[in-house]
């Protein structure tokens, strides 16, 4: 499976989809419940949350969140995060 993903250059996209599917496990239930939209475009993770205080907290923690994703999914999946 791994070699097939690499040969079709889909490995990065596959990891991004895994990241979205594991959002609740990585970030926790309280954050996942308040997340209304989540997608990746050009290695930028776009997150829409329904809580202004949570949005502020996530904006301050972008670097830490990216490190968590890299630990779980590997390097180079996400370069930046945009929280709306």
N, C-alpha and C. Protein backbone atom coordinates (compact mmCIF):
# COMPACT_ATOMS: atom_id res chain seq x y z
N UNK A 1 0.83 -1.20 0.00
CA UNK A 1 0.00 0.00 0.00
C UNK A 1 0.87 1.26 0.00
N UNK A 2 1.90 1.23 0.85
CA UNK A 2 2.79 2.39 0.96
C UNK A 2 3.48 2.70 -0.36
N UNK A 3 3.98 1.66 -1.05
CA UNK A 3 4.67 1.88 -2.32
C UNK A 3 3.69 2.35 -3.41
N UNK A 4 2.47 1.88 -3.35
CA UNK A 4 1.45 2.31 -4.30
C UNK A 4 1.14 3.79 -4.12
N UNK A 5 0.99 4.23 -2.88
CA UNK A 5 0.74 5.65 -2.61
C UNK A 5 1.90 6.52 -3.08
N UNK A 6 3.12 6.04 -2.86
CA UNK A 6 4.30 6.79 -3.31
C UNK A 6 4.39 6.85 -4.82
N UNK A 7 4.11 5.74 -5.50
CA UNK A 7 4.23 5.72 -6.95
C UNK A 7 3.21 6.64 -7.63
N UNK A 8 2.04 6.80 -7.04
CA UNK A 8 1.03 7.70 -7.58
C UNK A 8 1.08 9.09 -6.95
N UNK A 9 2.09 9.33 -6.13
CA UNK A 9 2.28 10.62 -5.44
C UNK A 9 1.05 11.03 -4.64
N UNK A 10 0.48 10.08 -3.94
CA UNK A 10 -0.71 10.33 -3.13
C UNK A 10 -0.44 10.22 -1.63
N UNK A 11 0.79 9.95 -1.27
CA UNK A 11 1.11 9.71 0.13
C UNK A 11 0.80 10.94 0.99
N UNK A 12 1.16 12.13 0.53
CA UNK A 12 0.91 13.36 1.28
C UNK A 12 -0.58 13.60 1.46
N UNK A 13 -1.33 13.43 0.41
CA UNK A 13 -2.79 13.65 0.48
C UNK A 13 -3.44 12.62 1.40
N UNK A 14 -2.96 11.38 1.34
CA UNK A 14 -3.48 10.33 2.20
C UNK A 14 -3.25 10.68 3.67
N UNK A 15 -2.05 11.18 3.99
CA UNK A 15 -1.73 11.57 5.37
C UNK A 15 -2.61 12.74 5.81
N UNK A 16 -2.92 13.67 4.91
CA UNK A 16 -3.78 14.80 5.24
C UNK A 16 -5.19 14.32 5.57
N UNK A 17 -5.69 13.37 4.81
CA UNK A 17 -7.02 12.82 5.08
C UNK A 17 -7.03 12.08 6.41
N UNK A 18 -5.95 11.36 6.71
CA UNK A 18 -5.84 10.69 8.00
C UNK A 18 -5.84 11.71 9.14
N UNK A 19 -5.17 12.83 8.93
CA UNK A 19 -5.13 13.88 9.94
C UNK A 19 -6.53 14.40 10.24
N UNK A 20 -7.31 14.64 9.21
CA UNK A 20 -8.67 15.13 9.39
C UNK A 20 -9.52 14.08 10.10
N UNK A 21 -9.37 12.82 9.71
CA UNK A 21 -10.14 11.75 10.34
C UNK A 21 -9.76 11.54 11.80
N UNK A 22 -8.53 11.87 12.17
CA UNK A 22 -8.06 11.69 13.55
C UNK A 22 -8.07 12.99 14.35
N UNK A 23 -8.71 14.02 13.85
CA UNK A 23 -8.76 15.32 14.52
C UNK A 23 -9.23 15.20 15.97
N UNK A 24 -10.32 14.48 16.20
CA UNK A 24 -10.86 14.34 17.55
C UNK A 24 -9.89 13.62 18.47
N UNK A 25 -9.26 12.58 17.98
CA UNK A 25 -8.32 11.83 18.81
C UNK A 25 -7.09 12.67 19.16
N UNK A 26 -6.59 13.44 18.21
CA UNK A 26 -5.38 14.23 18.43
C UNK A 26 -5.68 15.46 19.29
N UNK A 27 -6.75 16.17 18.99
CA UNK A 27 -7.04 17.44 19.66
C UNK A 27 -7.93 17.29 20.89
N UNK A 28 -8.68 16.22 20.97
CA UNK A 28 -9.56 16.01 22.11
C UNK A 28 -11.00 16.33 21.78
N UNK A 29 -11.89 15.73 22.51
CA UNK A 29 -13.33 15.86 22.27
C UNK A 29 -13.84 17.30 22.43
N UNK A 30 -13.43 18.05 23.47
CA UNK A 30 -13.96 19.42 23.63
C UNK A 30 -13.67 20.32 22.42
N UNK A 31 -12.50 20.17 21.83
CA UNK A 31 -12.17 20.97 20.65
C UNK A 31 -12.90 20.44 19.42
N UNK A 32 -12.96 19.13 19.28
CA UNK A 32 -13.62 18.52 18.12
C UNK A 32 -15.11 18.87 18.07
N UNK A 33 -15.75 18.95 19.22
CA UNK A 33 -17.18 19.28 19.26
C UNK A 33 -17.42 20.70 18.76
N UNK A 34 -16.48 21.60 19.01
CA UNK A 34 -16.63 23.00 18.60
C UNK A 34 -16.05 23.29 17.21
N UNK A 35 -15.52 22.26 16.55
CA UNK A 35 -15.00 22.41 15.20
C UNK A 35 -16.14 22.18 14.21
N UNK A 36 -16.41 23.20 13.37
CA UNK A 36 -17.52 23.08 12.43
C UNK A 36 -17.06 22.73 11.02
N UNK A 37 -15.80 23.07 10.67
CA UNK A 37 -15.28 22.75 9.34
C UNK A 37 -13.78 22.52 9.45
N UNK A 38 -13.28 21.60 8.65
CA UNK A 38 -11.88 21.22 8.71
C UNK A 38 -11.46 20.69 7.35
N UNK A 39 -10.47 21.33 6.72
CA UNK A 39 -9.95 20.83 5.44
C UNK A 39 -8.52 21.30 5.24
N UNK A 40 -7.82 20.65 4.32
CA UNK A 40 -6.44 20.97 4.00
C UNK A 40 -6.38 21.40 2.54
N UNK A 41 -5.67 22.51 2.30
CA UNK A 41 -5.45 23.00 0.94
C UNK A 41 -4.02 23.51 0.85
N UNK A 42 -3.23 22.94 -0.05
CA UNK A 42 -1.83 23.32 -0.25
C UNK A 42 -1.04 23.30 1.07
N UNK A 43 -1.18 22.23 1.81
CA UNK A 43 -0.48 22.00 3.09
C UNK A 43 -0.83 23.02 4.17
N UNK A 44 -1.95 23.68 4.03
CA UNK A 44 -2.45 24.59 5.06
C UNK A 44 -3.75 24.00 5.60
N UNK A 45 -3.80 23.82 6.91
CA UNK A 45 -4.98 23.29 7.56
C UNK A 45 -5.91 24.44 7.90
N UNK A 46 -7.13 24.39 7.39
CA UNK A 46 -8.14 25.41 7.67
C UNK A 46 -9.13 24.82 8.68
N UNK A 47 -9.28 25.51 9.80
CA UNK A 47 -10.15 25.05 10.89
C UNK A 47 -11.15 26.14 11.19
N UNK A 48 -12.43 25.80 11.19
CA UNK A 48 -13.47 26.73 11.58
C UNK A 48 -14.05 26.25 12.90
N UNK A 49 -14.05 27.14 13.90
CA UNK A 49 -14.57 26.78 15.22
C UNK A 49 -15.73 27.70 15.57
N UNK A 50 -16.60 27.20 16.43
CA UNK A 50 -17.81 27.94 16.79
C UNK A 50 -17.65 28.77 18.06
N UNK A 51 -16.48 28.77 18.65
CA UNK A 51 -16.25 29.45 19.92
C UNK A 51 -15.11 30.47 19.75
N UNK A 52 -15.41 31.75 20.03
CA UNK A 52 -14.40 32.80 19.91
C UNK A 52 -13.23 32.59 20.88
N UNK A 53 -13.47 32.24 22.15
CA UNK A 53 -12.32 31.99 23.04
C UNK A 53 -11.45 30.82 22.57
N UNK A 54 -12.07 29.78 22.04
CA UNK A 54 -11.31 28.64 21.52
C UNK A 54 -10.50 29.07 20.30
N UNK A 55 -11.08 29.87 19.44
CA UNK A 55 -10.37 30.38 18.27
C UNK A 55 -9.12 31.14 18.70
N UNK A 56 -9.26 31.97 19.70
CA UNK A 56 -8.13 32.74 20.21
C UNK A 56 -7.05 31.82 20.77
N UNK A 57 -7.45 30.85 21.56
CA UNK A 57 -6.50 29.91 22.16
C UNK A 57 -5.78 29.09 21.10
N UNK A 58 -6.50 28.63 20.09
CA UNK A 58 -5.88 27.84 19.02
C UNK A 58 -4.90 28.69 18.21
N UNK A 59 -5.24 29.95 17.99
CA UNK A 59 -4.34 30.84 17.26
C UNK A 59 -3.01 31.00 18.00
N UNK A 60 -3.05 31.07 19.32
CA UNK A 60 -1.83 31.19 20.11
C UNK A 60 -1.04 29.88 20.15
N UNK A 61 -1.69 28.76 19.87
CA UNK A 61 -1.06 27.44 20.00
C UNK A 61 -0.75 26.79 18.65
N UNK A 62 -0.71 27.55 17.57
CA UNK A 62 -0.50 26.97 16.24
C UNK A 62 0.77 26.12 16.17
N UNK A 63 1.86 26.65 16.68
CA UNK A 63 3.14 25.93 16.60
C UNK A 63 3.06 24.60 17.35
N UNK A 64 2.46 24.61 18.50
CA UNK A 64 2.32 23.39 19.30
C UNK A 64 1.42 22.38 18.59
N UNK A 65 0.36 22.85 17.96
CA UNK A 65 -0.56 21.96 17.23
C UNK A 65 0.16 21.31 16.05
N UNK A 66 0.95 22.10 15.32
CA UNK A 66 1.70 21.55 14.19
C UNK A 66 2.68 20.49 14.68
N UNK A 67 3.33 20.73 15.81
CA UNK A 67 4.25 19.73 16.38
C UNK A 67 3.51 18.44 16.74
N UNK A 68 2.30 18.56 17.30
CA UNK A 68 1.50 17.38 17.64
C UNK A 68 1.18 16.58 16.38
N UNK A 69 0.79 17.25 15.31
CA UNK A 69 0.48 16.58 14.06
C UNK A 69 1.71 15.89 13.48
N UNK A 70 2.86 16.55 13.56
CA UNK A 70 4.09 15.94 13.04
C UNK A 70 4.48 14.70 13.83
N UNK A 71 4.26 14.72 15.13
CA UNK A 71 4.53 13.53 15.95
C UNK A 71 3.62 12.38 15.55
N UNK A 72 2.35 12.68 15.30
CA UNK A 72 1.37 11.65 14.97
C UNK A 72 1.46 11.17 13.52
N UNK A 73 1.63 12.10 12.58
CA UNK A 73 1.48 11.77 11.17
C UNK A 73 2.77 11.84 10.37
N UNK A 74 3.80 12.48 10.89
CA UNK A 74 5.06 12.63 10.16
C UNK A 74 5.28 14.07 9.73
N UNK A 75 6.48 14.32 9.27
CA UNK A 75 6.89 15.67 8.86
C UNK A 75 6.26 16.08 7.54
N UNK A 76 6.05 17.39 7.37
CA UNK A 76 5.66 17.94 6.08
C UNK A 76 4.21 17.80 5.68
N UNK A 77 3.36 17.34 6.57
CA UNK A 77 1.95 17.20 6.23
C UNK A 77 1.28 18.57 6.23
N UNK A 78 1.53 19.33 7.28
CA UNK A 78 0.91 20.65 7.47
C UNK A 78 2.02 21.68 7.67
N UNK A 79 1.98 22.78 6.90
CA UNK A 79 2.96 23.84 7.05
C UNK A 79 2.42 24.99 7.91
N UNK A 80 1.12 25.20 7.87
CA UNK A 80 0.51 26.30 8.61
C UNK A 80 -0.94 25.94 8.94
N UNK A 81 -1.51 26.70 9.87
CA UNK A 81 -2.91 26.50 10.26
C UNK A 81 -3.60 27.87 10.22
N UNK A 82 -4.79 27.88 9.62
CA UNK A 82 -5.62 29.08 9.60
C UNK A 82 -6.87 28.75 10.41
N UNK A 83 -7.09 29.51 11.47
CA UNK A 83 -8.24 29.29 12.36
C UNK A 83 -9.25 30.40 12.10
N UNK A 84 -10.47 29.99 11.80
CA UNK A 84 -11.54 30.97 11.54
C UNK A 84 -12.66 30.79 12.51
